[in-house]
N, C-alpha and C. Protein backbone atom coordinates (compact mmCIF):
# COMPACT_ATOMS: atom_id res chain seq x y z
N MET A 1 131.53 43.65 77.88
CA MET A 1 132.79 44.36 77.96
C MET A 1 132.71 45.39 79.09
N LYS A 2 133.69 45.35 79.96
CA LYS A 2 133.74 46.28 81.08
C LYS A 2 134.19 47.66 80.63
N LYS A 3 133.59 48.68 81.24
CA LYS A 3 134.05 50.04 80.98
C LYS A 3 135.29 50.30 81.82
N LYS A 4 136.23 51.00 81.26
CA LYS A 4 137.43 51.38 81.99
C LYS A 4 137.17 52.67 82.75
N TYR A 5 137.62 52.71 83.99
CA TYR A 5 137.48 53.92 84.78
C TYR A 5 138.43 54.99 84.27
N TYR A 6 139.67 54.61 84.02
CA TYR A 6 140.66 55.53 83.47
C TYR A 6 140.63 55.43 81.96
N LYS A 7 140.38 56.54 81.33
CA LYS A 7 140.35 56.57 79.88
C LYS A 7 141.52 57.40 79.39
N SER A 8 142.31 56.82 78.54
CA SER A 8 143.50 57.49 78.02
C SER A 8 143.18 58.86 77.45
N ASP A 9 142.05 58.99 76.78
CA ASP A 9 141.67 60.27 76.18
C ASP A 9 141.44 61.37 77.22
N ASP A 10 141.13 60.96 78.46
CA ASP A 10 140.93 61.96 79.51
C ASP A 10 142.20 62.75 79.81
N LEU A 11 143.34 62.16 79.55
CA LEU A 11 144.61 62.86 79.76
C LEU A 11 144.66 64.16 78.96
N LYS A 12 144.08 64.15 77.78
CA LYS A 12 144.04 65.35 76.93
C LYS A 12 143.20 66.46 77.55
N LYS A 13 142.31 66.10 78.46
CA LYS A 13 141.42 67.06 79.10
C LYS A 13 142.06 67.72 80.33
N PHE A 14 143.24 67.30 80.70
CA PHE A 14 143.89 67.82 81.90
C PHE A 14 143.99 69.34 81.86
N LYS A 15 144.27 69.87 80.70
CA LYS A 15 144.39 71.34 80.56
C LYS A 15 143.10 72.06 80.95
N ASN A 16 142.00 71.33 80.93
CA ASN A 16 140.70 71.93 81.23
C ASN A 16 140.46 72.19 82.71
N ILE A 17 141.39 71.81 83.57
CA ILE A 17 141.18 72.09 84.99
C ILE A 17 141.10 73.59 85.26
N THR A 18 141.62 74.38 84.33
CA THR A 18 141.54 75.84 84.50
C THR A 18 140.12 76.36 84.23
N ASP A 19 139.27 75.57 83.59
CA ASP A 19 137.92 76.02 83.26
C ASP A 19 137.10 76.37 84.49
N TRP A 20 137.24 75.61 85.54
CA TRP A 20 136.38 75.81 86.71
C TRP A 20 137.01 76.72 87.75
N ASN A 21 138.32 76.94 87.63
CA ASN A 21 138.99 77.89 88.51
C ASN A 21 140.25 78.38 87.79
N PRO A 22 140.09 79.37 86.92
CA PRO A 22 141.21 79.83 86.10
C PRO A 22 142.42 80.28 86.93
N GLU A 23 142.20 80.98 88.00
CA GLU A 23 143.32 81.51 88.79
C GLU A 23 144.19 80.38 89.33
N LEU A 24 143.57 79.41 90.01
CA LEU A 24 144.36 78.32 90.59
C LEU A 24 144.91 77.38 89.51
N GLY A 25 144.11 77.13 88.46
CA GLY A 25 144.58 76.27 87.38
C GLY A 25 145.80 76.85 86.69
N GLU A 26 145.76 78.15 86.42
CA GLU A 26 146.90 78.82 85.78
C GLU A 26 148.13 78.83 86.68
N LYS A 27 147.91 79.04 87.97
CA LYS A 27 149.04 79.00 88.92
C LYS A 27 149.67 77.61 88.94
N PHE A 28 148.81 76.57 88.94
CA PHE A 28 149.33 75.21 88.93
C PHE A 28 150.19 74.97 87.69
N PHE A 29 149.65 75.30 86.51
CA PHE A 29 150.39 75.03 85.28
C PHE A 29 151.66 75.86 85.18
N GLU A 30 151.65 77.06 85.70
CA GLU A 30 152.86 77.88 85.72
C GLU A 30 153.93 77.19 86.57
N TYR A 31 153.52 76.73 87.75
CA TYR A 31 154.44 76.00 88.63
C TYR A 31 154.91 74.70 87.97
N TYR A 32 153.97 73.92 87.49
CA TYR A 32 154.26 72.62 86.88
C TYR A 32 155.26 72.77 85.73
N ASN A 33 155.00 73.72 84.84
CA ASN A 33 155.89 73.93 83.70
C ASN A 33 157.26 74.42 84.12
N SER A 34 157.34 75.24 85.15
CA SER A 34 158.65 75.71 85.60
C SER A 34 159.44 74.57 86.25
N VAL A 35 158.76 73.67 86.93
CA VAL A 35 159.44 72.53 87.56
C VAL A 35 160.13 71.66 86.52
N PHE A 36 159.50 71.48 85.37
CA PHE A 36 160.04 70.56 84.37
C PHE A 36 160.99 71.20 83.36
N LYS A 37 161.34 72.47 83.57
CA LYS A 37 162.36 73.10 82.72
C LYS A 37 163.74 72.61 83.12
N GLU A 38 164.68 72.73 82.18
CA GLU A 38 166.07 72.39 82.45
C GLU A 38 166.54 73.20 83.66
N GLY A 39 167.22 72.57 84.56
CA GLY A 39 167.73 73.25 85.76
C GLY A 39 168.96 72.50 86.24
N SER A 40 169.08 72.37 87.54
CA SER A 40 170.18 71.57 88.09
C SER A 40 170.06 70.12 87.60
N LEU A 41 168.81 69.69 87.41
CA LEU A 41 168.55 68.38 86.81
C LEU A 41 168.15 68.59 85.35
N SER A 42 168.54 67.66 84.51
CA SER A 42 168.16 67.75 83.09
C SER A 42 166.68 67.40 82.94
N VAL A 43 166.09 67.81 81.82
CA VAL A 43 164.69 67.46 81.56
C VAL A 43 164.53 65.95 81.44
N ARG A 44 165.57 65.30 80.99
CA ARG A 44 165.57 63.83 80.88
C ARG A 44 165.51 63.20 82.27
N GLU A 45 166.34 63.69 83.18
CA GLU A 45 166.34 63.17 84.56
C GLU A 45 164.99 63.43 85.22
N LYS A 46 164.44 64.61 84.99
CA LYS A 46 163.14 64.94 85.57
C LYS A 46 162.04 64.03 85.03
N SER A 47 162.13 63.66 83.77
CA SER A 47 161.16 62.76 83.18
C SER A 47 161.22 61.38 83.83
N LEU A 48 162.44 60.89 84.08
CA LEU A 48 162.60 59.60 84.75
C LEU A 48 162.08 59.65 86.19
N ILE A 49 162.37 60.74 86.88
CA ILE A 49 161.85 60.89 88.24
C ILE A 49 160.32 60.89 88.22
N ALA A 50 159.75 61.65 87.29
CA ALA A 50 158.30 61.73 87.17
C ALA A 50 157.70 60.37 86.87
N LEU A 51 158.36 59.59 86.03
CA LEU A 51 157.88 58.25 85.71
C LEU A 51 157.89 57.36 86.95
N ALA A 52 158.97 57.41 87.71
CA ALA A 52 159.05 56.59 88.93
C ALA A 52 157.99 57.01 89.94
N VAL A 53 157.85 58.31 90.15
CA VAL A 53 156.85 58.81 91.11
C VAL A 53 155.44 58.46 90.63
N SER A 54 155.21 58.51 89.33
CA SER A 54 153.90 58.16 88.77
C SER A 54 153.50 56.75 89.17
N HIS A 55 154.47 55.86 89.20
CA HIS A 55 154.18 54.48 89.60
C HIS A 55 153.94 54.39 91.10
N VAL A 56 154.71 55.13 91.88
CA VAL A 56 154.55 55.10 93.33
C VAL A 56 153.17 55.63 93.73
N VAL A 57 152.73 56.72 93.10
CA VAL A 57 151.40 57.27 93.42
C VAL A 57 150.30 56.58 92.62
N GLN A 58 150.67 55.67 91.73
CA GLN A 58 149.77 54.85 90.94
C GLN A 58 148.78 55.68 90.12
N CYS A 59 149.33 56.62 89.38
CA CYS A 59 148.51 57.47 88.50
C CYS A 59 148.65 56.99 87.06
N PRO A 60 147.63 56.32 86.50
CA PRO A 60 147.75 55.81 85.15
C PRO A 60 147.93 56.91 84.11
N TYR A 61 147.34 58.08 84.36
CA TYR A 61 147.51 59.19 83.43
C TYR A 61 148.97 59.64 83.40
N CYS A 62 149.57 59.75 84.58
CA CYS A 62 150.97 60.17 84.68
C CYS A 62 151.90 59.11 84.08
N ILE A 63 151.59 57.84 84.34
CA ILE A 63 152.41 56.76 83.78
C ILE A 63 152.41 56.85 82.25
N GLU A 64 151.23 57.04 81.68
CA GLU A 64 151.15 57.17 80.23
C GLU A 64 151.91 58.41 79.75
N ALA A 65 151.67 59.54 80.42
CA ALA A 65 152.29 60.79 79.98
C ALA A 65 153.81 60.72 80.06
N TYR A 66 154.35 60.18 81.14
CA TYR A 66 155.81 60.17 81.30
C TYR A 66 156.48 59.01 80.58
N THR A 67 155.73 57.99 80.22
CA THR A 67 156.27 56.97 79.31
C THR A 67 156.43 57.60 77.93
N ARG A 68 155.41 58.30 77.48
CA ARG A 68 155.49 58.99 76.18
C ARG A 68 156.60 60.05 76.20
N ASP A 69 156.64 60.84 77.28
CA ASP A 69 157.65 61.88 77.41
C ASP A 69 159.06 61.27 77.36
N GLY A 70 159.23 60.18 78.08
CA GLY A 70 160.53 59.51 78.09
C GLY A 70 160.94 59.01 76.71
N LEU A 71 159.99 58.44 76.00
CA LEU A 71 160.27 57.98 74.63
C LEU A 71 160.70 59.14 73.75
N GLN A 72 160.01 60.28 73.88
CA GLN A 72 160.36 61.47 73.10
C GLN A 72 161.75 61.99 73.46
N LYS A 73 162.17 61.75 74.68
CA LYS A 73 163.48 62.22 75.14
C LYS A 73 164.58 61.17 74.93
N GLY A 74 164.23 60.05 74.31
CA GLY A 74 165.21 59.02 74.01
C GLY A 74 165.57 58.12 75.19
N ILE A 75 164.73 58.09 76.18
CA ILE A 75 164.98 57.23 77.34
C ILE A 75 164.68 55.79 76.95
N GLU A 76 165.62 54.92 77.23
CA GLU A 76 165.49 53.51 76.88
C GLU A 76 164.55 52.79 77.84
N LYS A 77 163.95 51.69 77.38
CA LYS A 77 163.01 50.96 78.22
C LYS A 77 163.69 50.40 79.47
N SER A 78 164.95 50.03 79.37
CA SER A 78 165.65 49.51 80.55
C SER A 78 165.84 50.62 81.60
N GLU A 79 166.06 51.85 81.14
CA GLU A 79 166.17 52.98 82.07
C GLU A 79 164.83 53.27 82.74
N MET A 80 163.75 53.18 81.94
CA MET A 80 162.42 53.40 82.50
C MET A 80 162.13 52.37 83.58
N MET A 81 162.40 51.10 83.29
CA MET A 81 162.11 50.04 84.25
C MET A 81 162.99 50.18 85.49
N GLU A 82 164.23 50.58 85.31
CA GLU A 82 165.10 50.79 86.47
C GLU A 82 164.55 51.91 87.35
N ALA A 83 164.05 52.97 86.74
CA ALA A 83 163.44 54.07 87.50
C ALA A 83 162.21 53.57 88.26
N VAL A 84 161.41 52.73 87.63
CA VAL A 84 160.23 52.17 88.29
C VAL A 84 160.65 51.33 89.49
N HIS A 85 161.71 50.56 89.33
CA HIS A 85 162.22 49.74 90.45
C HIS A 85 162.74 50.61 91.59
N VAL A 86 163.36 51.73 91.26
CA VAL A 86 163.81 52.65 92.32
C VAL A 86 162.61 53.14 93.11
N GLY A 87 161.57 53.55 92.40
CA GLY A 87 160.35 54.00 93.07
C GLY A 87 159.73 52.89 93.92
N ALA A 88 159.70 51.69 93.39
CA ALA A 88 159.12 50.55 94.11
C ALA A 88 159.95 50.22 95.36
N ALA A 89 161.26 50.32 95.25
CA ALA A 89 162.13 50.05 96.40
C ALA A 89 161.90 51.06 97.51
N ILE A 90 161.77 52.33 97.14
CA ILE A 90 161.52 53.37 98.14
C ILE A 90 160.15 53.15 98.77
N ARG A 91 159.14 52.86 97.96
CA ARG A 91 157.79 52.64 98.49
C ARG A 91 157.76 51.43 99.43
N SER A 92 158.39 50.33 99.04
CA SER A 92 158.38 49.15 99.89
C SER A 92 159.20 49.39 101.16
N GLY A 93 160.30 50.10 101.04
CA GLY A 93 161.10 50.44 102.22
C GLY A 93 160.32 51.31 103.19
N ALA A 94 159.55 52.24 102.65
CA ALA A 94 158.73 53.12 103.49
C ALA A 94 157.67 52.30 104.23
N SER A 95 157.14 51.29 103.57
CA SER A 95 156.16 50.42 104.24
C SER A 95 156.85 49.59 105.32
N LEU A 96 157.99 49.03 104.99
CA LEU A 96 158.68 48.17 105.93
C LEU A 96 159.22 48.91 107.15
N VAL A 97 159.69 50.14 106.97
CA VAL A 97 160.24 50.88 108.10
C VAL A 97 159.16 51.15 109.15
N HIS A 98 157.90 51.17 108.72
CA HIS A 98 156.81 51.31 109.69
C HIS A 98 156.67 50.08 110.57
N GLY A 99 157.34 49.01 110.18
CA GLY A 99 157.39 47.82 111.03
C GLY A 99 158.05 48.12 112.36
N VAL A 100 158.91 49.13 112.41
CA VAL A 100 159.53 49.53 113.67
C VAL A 100 158.45 49.99 114.65
N GLN A 101 157.45 50.70 114.16
CA GLN A 101 156.33 51.13 115.00
C GLN A 101 155.63 49.91 115.60
N MET A 102 155.39 48.92 114.77
CA MET A 102 154.77 47.69 115.24
C MET A 102 155.63 47.02 116.30
N MET A 103 156.92 46.95 116.04
CA MET A 103 157.84 46.32 116.99
C MET A 103 157.84 47.07 118.32
N ASN A 104 157.82 48.40 118.27
CA ASN A 104 157.79 49.20 119.49
C ASN A 104 156.52 48.95 120.29
N VAL A 105 155.38 48.94 119.61
CA VAL A 105 154.10 48.70 120.29
C VAL A 105 154.08 47.28 120.86
N TYR A 106 154.53 46.33 120.08
CA TYR A 106 154.56 44.93 120.55
C TYR A 106 155.41 44.81 121.81
N ASP A 107 156.62 45.38 121.77
CA ASP A 107 157.51 45.32 122.93
C ASP A 107 156.88 45.97 124.15
N LYS A 108 156.23 47.09 123.96
CA LYS A 108 155.60 47.83 125.06
C LYS A 108 154.45 47.01 125.67
N LEU A 109 153.63 46.44 124.81
CA LEU A 109 152.44 45.74 125.29
C LEU A 109 152.73 44.32 125.80
N SER A 110 153.82 43.75 125.37
CA SER A 110 154.11 42.37 125.77
C SER A 110 154.98 42.28 127.02
N MET A 111 155.32 43.41 127.60
CA MET A 111 156.15 43.42 128.80
C MET A 111 155.39 42.97 130.01
């Protein structure tokens, strides 16, 4: 049986990042918690954004955390998957738009 690199239980240890540098850890959590408070965007909208971004940055801990968060906020699975597709579309578009760089170099060198 293969050992998993990402262990779901490690997510519970995230709060421990303050152990090795309390000042920066506390500043991070203060910022993080303020970002996810109700504001111009609802906490529900922020959860969906976080879920989509979690997939784009490919963080399994974040994917788990924001799937759970979304479920607690009543977000439907179809909404979650739509958010993931939005993230995937932006990520693939960002990759494809760099094709313009390739086209520019090709045109320059093939003259």
